[in-house]
């Protein structure tokens, strides 16, 4: 049986693939991932707010840089446009 791919499903699959890339190539925690905003990216590094309100800077591979557009919005959202929870990831 052939399965049709809807636009929503395609966008969700792309987002999920990007989530896995971020987790693998940066080594950040899921709780840190869901709080990434576009404006946290500066000078080829990502500002991460970790445990105990500690701030650290993570270098970002070149192929992930294109996903930051400079807005203050969250990078990862649900298909309804809301911020993702750790459980959703």
PDB file of N, CA and C in Angstrom:
ATOM      1  N   UNK A   1       0.850  -1.177   0.000  1.00  0.00           N
ATOM      2  CA  UNK A   1       0.000   0.000   0.000  1.00  0.00           C
ATOM      3  C   UNK A   1       0.893   1.236   0.000  1.00  0.00           C
ATOM      4  N   UNK A   2       0.643   2.149  -0.904  1.00  0.00           N
ATOM      5  CA  UNK A   2       1.435   3.362  -1.029  1.00  0.00           C
ATOM      6  C   UNK A   2       0.902   4.427  -0.074  1.00  0.00           C
ATOM      7  N   UNK A   3       1.830   5.044   0.631  1.00  0.00           N
ATOM      8  CA  UNK A   3       1.443   6.046   1.619  1.00  0.00           C
ATOM      9  C   UNK A   3       1.663   7.431   1.024  1.00  0.00           C
ATOM     10  N   UNK A   4       0.676   8.285   1.115  1.00  0.00           N
ATOM     11  CA  UNK A   4       0.834   9.642   0.597  1.00  0.00           C
ATOM     12  C   UNK A   4       1.521  10.513   1.639  1.00  0.00           C
ATOM     13  N   UNK A   5       2.342  11.417   1.147  1.00  0.00           N
ATOM     14  CA  UNK A   5       3.062  12.327   2.035  1.00  0.00           C
ATOM     15  C   UNK A   5       2.421  13.704   1.917  1.00  0.00           C
ATOM     16  N   UNK A   6       1.894  14.167   3.015  1.00  0.00           N
ATOM     17  CA  UNK A   6       1.278  15.491   3.034  1.00  0.00           C
ATOM     18  C   UNK A   6       2.338  16.538   3.345  1.00  0.00           C
ATOM     19  N   UNK A   7       2.014  17.788   3.090  1.00  0.00           N
ATOM     20  CA  UNK A   7       2.946  18.871   3.367  1.00  0.00           C
ATOM     21  C   UNK A   7       3.281  18.936   4.854  1.00  0.00           C
ATOM     22  N   UNK A   8       2.280  18.744   5.703  1.00  0.00           N
ATOM     23  CA  UNK A   8       2.491  18.777   7.155  1.00  0.00           C
ATOM     24  C   UNK A   8       3.439  17.665   7.578  1.00  0.00           C
ATOM     25  N   UNK A   9       3.252  16.490   7.022  1.00  0.00           N
ATOM     26  CA  UNK A   9       4.100  15.359   7.369  1.00  0.00           C
ATOM     27  C   UNK A   9       5.534  15.597   6.905  1.00  0.00           C
ATOM     28  N   UNK A  10       5.704  16.172   5.726  1.00  0.00           N
ATOM     29  CA  UNK A  10       7.027  16.471   5.201  1.00  0.00           C
ATOM     30  C   UNK A  10       7.744  17.497   6.074  1.00  0.00           C
ATOM     31  N   UNK A  11       7.052  18.555   6.464  1.00  0.00           N
ATOM     32  CA  UNK A  11       7.644  19.587   7.321  1.00  0.00           C
ATOM     33  C   UNK A  11       7.997  19.005   8.689  1.00  0.00           C
ATOM     34  N   UNK A  12       7.141  18.162   9.225  1.00  0.00           N
ATOM     35  CA  UNK A  12       7.408  17.525  10.513  1.00  0.00           C
ATOM     36  C   UNK A  12       8.630  16.625  10.416  1.00  0.00           C
ATOM     37  N   UNK A  13       8.753  15.875   9.338  1.00  0.00           N
ATOM     38  CA  UNK A  13       9.919  15.006   9.159  1.00  0.00           C
ATOM     39  C   UNK A  13      11.203  15.821   9.038  1.00  0.00           C
ATOM     40  N   UNK A  14      11.146  16.948   8.349  1.00  0.00           N
ATOM     41  CA  UNK A  14      12.317  17.814   8.226  1.00  0.00           C
ATOM     42  C   UNK A  14      12.705  18.395   9.581  1.00  0.00           C
ATOM     43  N   UNK A  15      11.706  18.819  10.356  1.00  0.00           N
ATOM     44  CA  UNK A  15      11.981  19.360  11.694  1.00  0.00           C
ATOM     45  C   UNK A  15      12.603  18.289  12.582  1.00  0.00           C
ATOM     46  N   UNK A  16      12.061  17.082  12.538  1.00  0.00           N
ATOM     47  CA  UNK A  16      12.586  15.998  13.379  1.00  0.00           C
ATOM     48  C   UNK A  16      14.013  15.632  12.995  1.00  0.00           C
ATOM     49  N   UNK A  17      14.308  15.651  11.714  1.00  0.00           N
ATOM     50  CA  UNK A  17      15.665  15.387  11.247  1.00  0.00           C
ATOM     51  C   UNK A  17      16.619  16.467  11.741  1.00  0.00           C
ATOM     52  N   UNK A  18      16.163  17.720  11.708  1.00  0.00           N
ATOM     53  CA  UNK A  18      16.975  18.831  12.198  1.00  0.00           C
ATOM     54  C   UNK A  18      17.213  18.710  13.705  1.00  0.00           C
ATOM     55  N   UNK A  19      16.217  18.287  14.439  1.00  0.00           N
ATOM     56  CA  UNK A  19      16.367  18.079  15.884  1.00  0.00           C
ATOM     57  C   UNK A  19      17.456  17.051  16.152  1.00  0.00           C
ATOM     58  N   UNK A  20      17.423  15.943  15.436  1.00  0.00           N
ATOM     59  CA  UNK A  20      18.442  14.906  15.613  1.00  0.00           C
ATOM     60  C   UNK A  20      19.831  15.422  15.254  1.00  0.00           C
ATOM     61  N   UNK A  21      19.933  16.210  14.179  1.00  0.00           N
ATOM     62  CA  UNK A  21      21.221  16.796  13.806  1.00  0.00           C
ATOM     63  C   UNK A  21      21.743  17.707  14.909  1.00  0.00           C
ATOM     64  N   UNK A  22      20.873  18.546  15.460  1.00  0.00           N
ATOM     65  CA  UNK A  22      21.298  19.451  16.537  1.00  0.00           C
ATOM     66  C   UNK A  22      21.767  18.672  17.755  1.00  0.00           C
ATOM     67  N   UNK A  23      21.020  17.666  18.149  1.00  0.00           N
ATOM     68  CA  UNK A  23      21.410  16.879  19.318  1.00  0.00           C
ATOM     69  C   UNK A  23      22.739  16.157  19.083  1.00  0.00           C
ATOM     70  N   UNK A  24      22.915  15.598  17.904  1.00  0.00           N
ATOM     71  CA  UNK A  24      24.116  14.824  17.604  1.00  0.00           C
ATOM     72  C   UNK A  24      25.359  15.705  17.442  1.00  0.00           C
ATOM     73  N   UNK A  25      25.255  16.765  16.658  1.00  0.00           N
ATOM     74  CA  UNK A  25      26.432  17.570  16.334  1.00  0.00           C
ATOM     75  C   UNK A  25      26.797  18.601  17.389  1.00  0.00           C
ATOM     76  N   UNK A  26      25.884  18.954  18.275  1.00  0.00           N
ATOM     77  CA  UNK A  26      26.210  19.939  19.309  1.00  0.00           C
ATOM     78  C   UNK A  26      26.358  19.313  20.696  1.00  0.00           C
ATOM     79  N   UNK A  27      25.723  18.179  20.934  1.00  0.00           N
ATOM     80  CA  UNK A  27      25.818  17.531  22.241  1.00  0.00           C
ATOM     81  C   UNK A  27      24.984  18.202  23.323  1.00  0.00           C
ATOM     82  N   UNK A  28      24.024  19.031  22.936  1.00  0.00           N
ATOM     83  CA  UNK A  28      23.195  19.704  23.936  1.00  0.00           C
ATOM     84  C   UNK A  28      22.110  18.764  24.453  1.00  0.00           C
ATOM     85  N   UNK A  29      21.539  19.114  25.581  1.00  0.00           N
ATOM     86  CA  UNK A  29      20.450  18.340  26.180  1.00  0.00           C
ATOM     87  C   UNK A  29      19.126  18.714  25.522  1.00  0.00           C
ATOM     88  N   UNK A  30      18.153  17.836  25.633  1.00  0.00           N
ATOM     89  CA  UNK A  30      16.836  18.085  25.047  1.00  0.00           C
ATOM     90  C   UNK A  30      16.206  19.333  25.663  1.00  0.00           C
ATOM     91  N   UNK A  31      16.353  19.509  26.963  1.00  0.00           N
ATOM     92  CA  UNK A  31      15.811  20.692  27.634  1.00  0.00           C
ATOM     93  C   UNK A  31      16.427  21.982  27.126  1.00  0.00           C
ATOM     94  N   UNK A  32      17.685  21.917  26.726  1.00  0.00           N
ATOM     95  CA  UNK A  32      18.346  23.093  26.156  1.00  0.00           C
ATOM     96  C   UNK A  32      17.899  23.313  24.714  1.00  0.00           C
ATOM     97  N   UNK A  33      17.682  22.233  23.998  1.00  0.00           N
ATOM     98  CA  UNK A  33      17.269  22.299  22.600  1.00  0.00           C
ATOM     99  C   UNK A  33      15.936  23.004  22.426  1.00  0.00           C
ATOM    100  N   UNK A  34      14.959  22.691  23.265  1.00  0.00           N
ATOM    101  CA  UNK A  34      13.622  23.274  23.097  1.00  0.00           C
ATOM    102  C   UNK A  34      13.595  24.762  23.438  1.00  0.00           C
ATOM    103  N   UNK A  35      14.636  25.269  24.077  1.00  0.00           N
ATOM    104  CA  UNK A  35      14.688  26.686  24.441  1.00  0.00           C
ATOM    105  C   UNK A  35      15.553  27.523  23.519  1.00  0.00           C
ATOM    106  N   UNK A  36      16.036  26.946  22.418  1.00  0.00           N
ATOM    107  CA  UNK A  36      16.862  27.703  21.473  1.00  0.00           C
ATOM    108  C   UNK A  36      15.989  28.690  20.706  1.00  0.00           C
ATOM    109  N   UNK A  37      16.453  29.925  20.659  1.00  0.00           N
ATOM    110  CA  UNK A  37      15.795  30.965  19.863  1.00  0.00           C
ATOM    111  C   UNK A  37      16.737  31.344  18.710  1.00  0.00           C
ATOM    112  N   UNK A  38      16.163  31.886  17.677  1.00  0.00           N
ATOM    113  CA  UNK A  38      16.979  32.297  16.536  1.00  0.00           C
ATOM    114  C   UNK A  38      18.037  33.320  16.948  1.00  0.00           C
ATOM    115  N   UNK A  39      17.685  34.211  17.866  1.00  0.00           N
ATOM    116  CA  UNK A  39      18.606  35.276  18.274  1.00  0.00           C
ATOM    117  C   UNK A  39      19.750  34.770  19.164  1.00  0.00           C
ATOM    118  N   UNK A  40      19.719  33.509  19.582  1.00  0.00           N
ATOM    119  CA  UNK A  40      20.804  32.946  20.389  1.00  0.00           C
ATOM    120  C   UNK A  40      22.038  32.611  19.556  1.00  0.00           C
ATOM    121  N   UNK A  41      21.905  32.667  18.238  1.00  0.00           N
ATOM    122  CA  UNK A  41      23.017  32.368  17.339  1.00  0.00           C
ATOM    123  C   UNK A  41      23.749  33.657  16.973  1.00  0.00           C
ATOM    124  N   UNK A  42      25.059  33.678  17.255  1.00  0.00           N
ATOM    125  CA  UNK A  42      25.894  34.837  16.905  1.00  0.00           C
ATOM    126  C   UNK A  42      27.327  34.363  16.697  1.00  0.00           C
ATOM    127  N   UNK A  43      27.980  34.899  15.688  1.00  0.00           N
ATOM    128  CA  UNK A  43      29.399  34.638  15.437  1.00  0.00           C
ATOM    129  C   UNK A  43      29.741  33.151  15.380  1.00  0.00           C
ATOM    130  N   UNK A  44      28.975  32.402  14.628  1.00  0.00           N
ATOM    131  CA  UNK A  44      29.192  30.965  14.413  1.00  0.00           C
ATOM    132  C   UNK A  44      29.080  30.119  15.683  1.00  0.00           C
ATOM    133  N   UNK A  45      28.431  30.640  16.701  1.00  0.00           N
ATOM    134  CA  UNK A  45      28.222  29.848  17.917  1.00  0.00           C
ATOM    135  C   UNK A  45      26.814  30.091  18.460  1.00  0.00           C
ATOM    136  N   UNK A  46      26.379  29.165  19.265  1.00  0.00           N
ATOM    137  CA  UNK A  46      25.032  29.195  19.815  1.00  0.00           C
ATOM    138  C   UNK A  46      25.111  29.367  21.322  1.00  0.00           C
ATOM    139  N   UNK A  47      24.392  30.348  21.831  1.00  0.00           N
ATOM    140  CA  UNK A  47      24.337  30.625  23.267  1.00  0.00           C
ATOM    141  C   UNK A  47      23.322  29.669  23.883  1.00  0.00           C
ATOM    142  N   UNK A  48      23.776  28.831  24.801  1.00  0.00           N
ATOM    143  CA  UNK A  48      22.930  27.818  25.434  1.00  0.00           C
ATOM    144  C   UNK A  48      22.777  28.150  26.908  1.00  0.00           C
ATOM    145  N   UNK A  49      21.541  28.123  27.377  1.00  0.00           N
ATOM    146  CA  UNK A  49      21.248  28.311  28.796  1.00  0.00           C
ATOM    147  C   UNK A  49      21.070  26.929  29.407  1.00  0.00           C
ATOM    148  N   UNK A  50      22.071  26.484  30.166  1.00  0.00           N
ATOM    149  CA  UNK A  50      22.085  25.130  30.688  1.00  0.00           C
ATOM    150  C   UNK A  50      21.585  25.028  32.117  1.00  0.00           C
ATOM    151  N   UNK A  51      21.951  23.901  32.719  1.00  0.00           N
ATOM    152  CA  UNK A  51      21.556  23.642  34.104  1.00  0.00           C
ATOM    153  C   UNK A  51      22.145  24.698  35.024  1.00  0.00           C
ATOM    154  N   UNK A  52      21.406  25.067  36.041  1.00  0.00           N
ATOM    155  CA  UNK A  52      21.869  26.050  37.016  1.00  0.00           C
ATOM    156  C   UNK A  52      22.026  27.434  36.428  1.00  0.00           C
ATOM    157  N   UNK A  53      21.276  27.729  35.374  1.00  0.00           N
ATOM    158  CA  UNK A  53      21.323  29.031  34.695  1.00  0.00           C
ATOM    159  C   UNK A  53      22.714  29.397  34.188  1.00  0.00           C
ATOM    160  N   UNK A  54      23.522  28.371  33.875  1.00  0.00           N
ATOM    161  CA  UNK A  54      24.845  28.622  33.317  1.00  0.00           C
ATOM    162  C   UNK A  54      24.724  28.830  31.813  1.00  0.00           C
ATOM    163  N   UNK A  55      25.499  29.755  31.330  1.00  0.00           N
ATOM    164  CA  UNK A  55      25.503  30.050  29.892  1.00  0.00           C
ATOM    165  C   UNK A  55      26.796  29.503  29.303  1.00  0.00           C
ATOM    166  N   UNK A  56      26.652  28.788  28.181  1.00  0.00           N
ATOM    167  CA  UNK A  56      27.834  28.337  27.464  1.00  0.00           C
ATOM    168  C   UNK A  56      27.609  28.539  25.973  1.00  0.00           C
ATOM    169  N   UNK A  57      28.699  28.587  25.249  1.00  0.00           N
ATOM    170  CA  UNK A  57      28.638  28.827  23.814  1.00  0.00           C
ATOM    171  C   UNK A  57      29.111  27.579  23.083  1.00  0.00           C
ATOM    172  N   UNK A  58      28.286  27.121  22.144  1.00  0.00           N
ATOM    173  CA  UNK A  58      28.536  25.899  21.395  1.00  0.00           C
ATOM    174  C   UNK A  58      28.834  26.270  19.943  1.00  0.00           C
ATOM    175  N   UNK A  59      29.946  25.795  19.379  1.00  0.00           N
ATOM    176  CA  UNK A  59      30.179  26.052  17.953  1.00  0.00           C
ATOM    177  C   UNK A  59      29.165  25.279  17.102  1.00  0.00           C
ATOM    178  N   UNK A  60      28.699  25.906  16.049  1.00  0.00           N
ATOM    179  CA  UNK A  60      27.685  25.313  15.184  1.00  0.00           C
ATOM    180  C   UNK A  60      28.330  24.926  13.848  1.00  0.00           C
ATOM    181  N   UNK A  61      28.123  23.681  13.394  1.00  0.00           N
ATOM    182  CA  UNK A  61      28.633  23.299  12.071  1.00  0.00           C
ATOM    183  C   UNK A  61      28.017  24.171  10.976  1.00  0.00           C
ATOM    184  N   UNK A  62      28.759  24.352   9.918  1.00  0.00           N
ATOM    185  CA  UNK A  62      28.329  25.220   8.816  1.00  0.00           C
ATOM    186  C   UNK A  62      26.953  24.856   8.264  1.00  0.00           C
ATOM    187  N   UNK A  63      26.661  23.578   8.128  1.00  0.00           N
ATOM    188  CA  UNK A  63      25.391  23.181   7.514  1.00  0.00           C
ATOM    189  C   UNK A  63      24.177  23.460   8.398  1.00  0.00           C
ATOM    190  N   UNK A  64      24.371  23.749   9.681  1.00  0.00           N
ATOM    191  CA  UNK A  64      23.251  24.080  10.571  1.00  0.00           C
ATOM    192  C   UNK A  64      23.016  25.590  10.670  1.00  0.00           C
ATOM    193  N   UNK A  65      23.971  26.384  10.220  1.00  0.00           N
ATOM    194  CA  UNK A  65      23.857  27.842  10.336  1.00  0.00           C
ATOM    195  C   UNK A  65      22.690  28.420   9.547  1.00  0.00           C
ATOM    196  N   UNK A  66      22.319  27.772   8.460  1.00  0.00           N
ATOM    197  CA  UNK A  66      21.276  28.324   7.585  1.00  0.00           C
ATOM    198  C   UNK A  66      19.886  28.337   8.223  1.00  0.00           C
ATOM    199  N   UNK A  67      19.707  27.693   9.356  1.00  0.00           N
ATOM    200  CA  UNK A  67      18.392  27.630  10.002  1.00  0.00           C
ATOM    201  C   UNK A  67      18.125  28.806  10.940  1.00  0.00           C
ATOM    202  N   UNK A  68      19.106  29.667  11.124  1.00  0.00           N
ATOM    203  CA  UNK A  68      18.930  30.827  12.004  1.00  0.00           C
ATOM    204  C   UNK A  68      18.645  32.054  11.165  1.00  0.00           C
ATOM    205  N   UNK A  69      17.536  32.735  11.466  1.00  0.00           N
ATOM    206  CA  UNK A  69      17.139  33.886  10.649  1.00  0.00           C
ATOM    207  C   UNK A  69      17.183  35.209  11.400  1.00  0.00           C
ATOM    208  N   UNK A  70      17.602  35.227  12.659  1.00  0.00           N
ATOM    209  CA  UNK A  70      17.743  36.479  13.382  1.00  0.00           C
ATOM    210  C   UNK A  70      16.522  36.935  14.172  1.00  0.00           C
ATOM    211  N   UNK A  71      15.395  36.237  14.074  1.00  0.00           N
ATOM    212  CA  UNK A  71      14.216  36.644  14.838  1.00  0.00           C
ATOM    213  C   UNK A  71      14.378  36.219  16.296  1.00  0.00           C
ATOM    214  N   UNK A  72      13.470  36.638  17.139  1.00  0.00           N
ATOM    215  CA  UNK A  72      13.528  36.257  18.555  1.00  0.00           C
ATOM    216  C   UNK A  72      12.639  35.051  18.844  1.00  0.00           C
ATOM    217  N   UNK A  73      12.134  34.422  17.810  1.00  0.00           N
ATOM    218  CA  UNK A  73      11.239  33.281  17.938  1.00  0.00           C
ATOM    219  C   UNK A  73      12.028  31.994  18.227  1.00  0.00           C
ATOM    220  N   UNK A  74      11.341  30.987  18.758  1.00  0.00           N
ATOM    221  CA  UNK A  74      11.977  29.710  19.027  1.00  0.00           C
ATOM    222  C   UNK A  74      12.310  28.995  17.725  1.00  0.00           C
ATOM    223  N   UNK A  75      13.399  28.243  17.724  1.00  0.00           N
ATOM    224  CA  UNK A  75      13.826  27.530  16.528  1.00  0.00           C
ATOM    225  C   UNK A  75      12.941  26.324  16.249  1.00  0.00           C
ATOM    226  N   UNK A  76      12.575  25.591  17.287  1.00  0.00           N
ATOM    227  CA  UNK A  76      11.758  24.390  17.121  1.00  0.00           C
ATOM    228  C   UNK A  76      10.366  24.611  17.674  1.00  0.00           C
ATOM    229  N   UNK A  77       9.371  24.364  16.813  1.00  0.00           N
ATOM    230  CA  UNK A  77       7.970  24.542  17.196  1.00  0.00           C
ATOM    231  C   UNK A  77       7.162  23.316  16.787  1.00  0.00           C
ATOM    232  N   UNK A  78       5.978  23.211  17.376  1.00  0.00           N
ATOM    233  CA  UNK A  78       5.054  22.159  16.954  1.00  0.00           C
ATOM    234  C   UNK A  78       4.419  22.583  15.637  1.00  0.00           C
ATOM    235  N   UNK A  79       3.696  21.698  15.001  1.00  0.00           N
ATOM    236  CA  UNK A  79       3.061  22.053  13.719  1.00  0.00           C
ATOM    237  C   UNK A  79       1.953  23.081  13.896  1.00  0.00           C
ATOM    238  N   UNK A  80       1.530  23.284  15.153  1.00  0.00           N
ATOM    239  CA  UNK A  80       0.539  24.329  15.434  1.00  0.00           C
ATOM    240  C   UNK A  80       1.192  25.673  15.743  1.00  0.00           C
ATOM    241  N   UNK A  81       2.525  25.721  15.744  1.00  0.00           N
ATOM    242  CA  UNK A  81       3.240  26.967  15.964  1.00  0.00           C
ATOM    243  C   UNK A  81       3.585  27.257  17.416  1.00  0.00           C
ATOM    244  N   UNK A  82       3.374  26.311  18.305  1.00  0.00           N
ATOM    245  CA  UNK A  82       3.679  26.505  19.719  1.00  0.00           C
ATOM    246  C   UNK A  82       5.080  25.975  20.007  1.00  0.00           C
ATOM    247  N   UNK A  83       5.659  26.409  21.135  1.00  0.00           N
ATOM    248  CA  UNK A  83       6.978  25.906  21.500  1.00  0.00           C
ATOM    249  C   UNK A  83       6.891  24.431  21.862  1.00  0.00           C
ATOM    250  N   UNK A  84       7.941  23.713  21.529  1.00  0.00           N
ATOM    251  CA  UNK A  84       7.968  22.270  21.790  1.00  0.00           C
ATOM    252  C   UNK A  84       8.315  22.004  23.255  1.00  0.00           C
ATOM    253  N   UNK A  85       7.791  20.926  23.769  1.00  0.00           N
ATOM    254  CA  UNK A  85       8.154  20.484  25.108  1.00  0.00           C
ATOM    255  C   UNK A  85       9.234  19.407  24.995  1.00  0.00           C
ATOM    256  N   UNK A  86       9.895  19.118  26.101  1.00  0.00           N
ATOM    257  CA  UNK A  86      10.880  18.041  26.103  1.00  0.00           C
ATOM    258  C   UNK A  86      10.239  16.705  25.752  1.00  0.00           C
ATOM    259  N   UNK A  87       9.008  16.499  26.208  1.00  0.00           N
ATOM    260  CA  UNK A  87       8.310  15.248  25.944  1.00  0.00           C
ATOM    261  C   UNK A  87       7.984  15.104  24.450  1.00  0.00           C
ATOM    262  N   UNK A  88       7.717  16.216  23.784  1.00  0.00           N
ATOM    263  CA  UNK A  88       7.399  16.167  22.351  1.00  0.00           C
ATOM    264  C   UNK A  88       8.620  15.756  21.533  1.00  0.00           C
ATOM    265  N   UNK A  89       9.807  16.138  22.014  1.00  0.00           N
ATOM    266  CA  UNK A  89      11.023  15.764  21.298  1.00  0.00           C
ATOM    267  C   UNK A  89      11.243  14.277  21.469  1.00  0.00           C
TER     268      UNK A  89
END
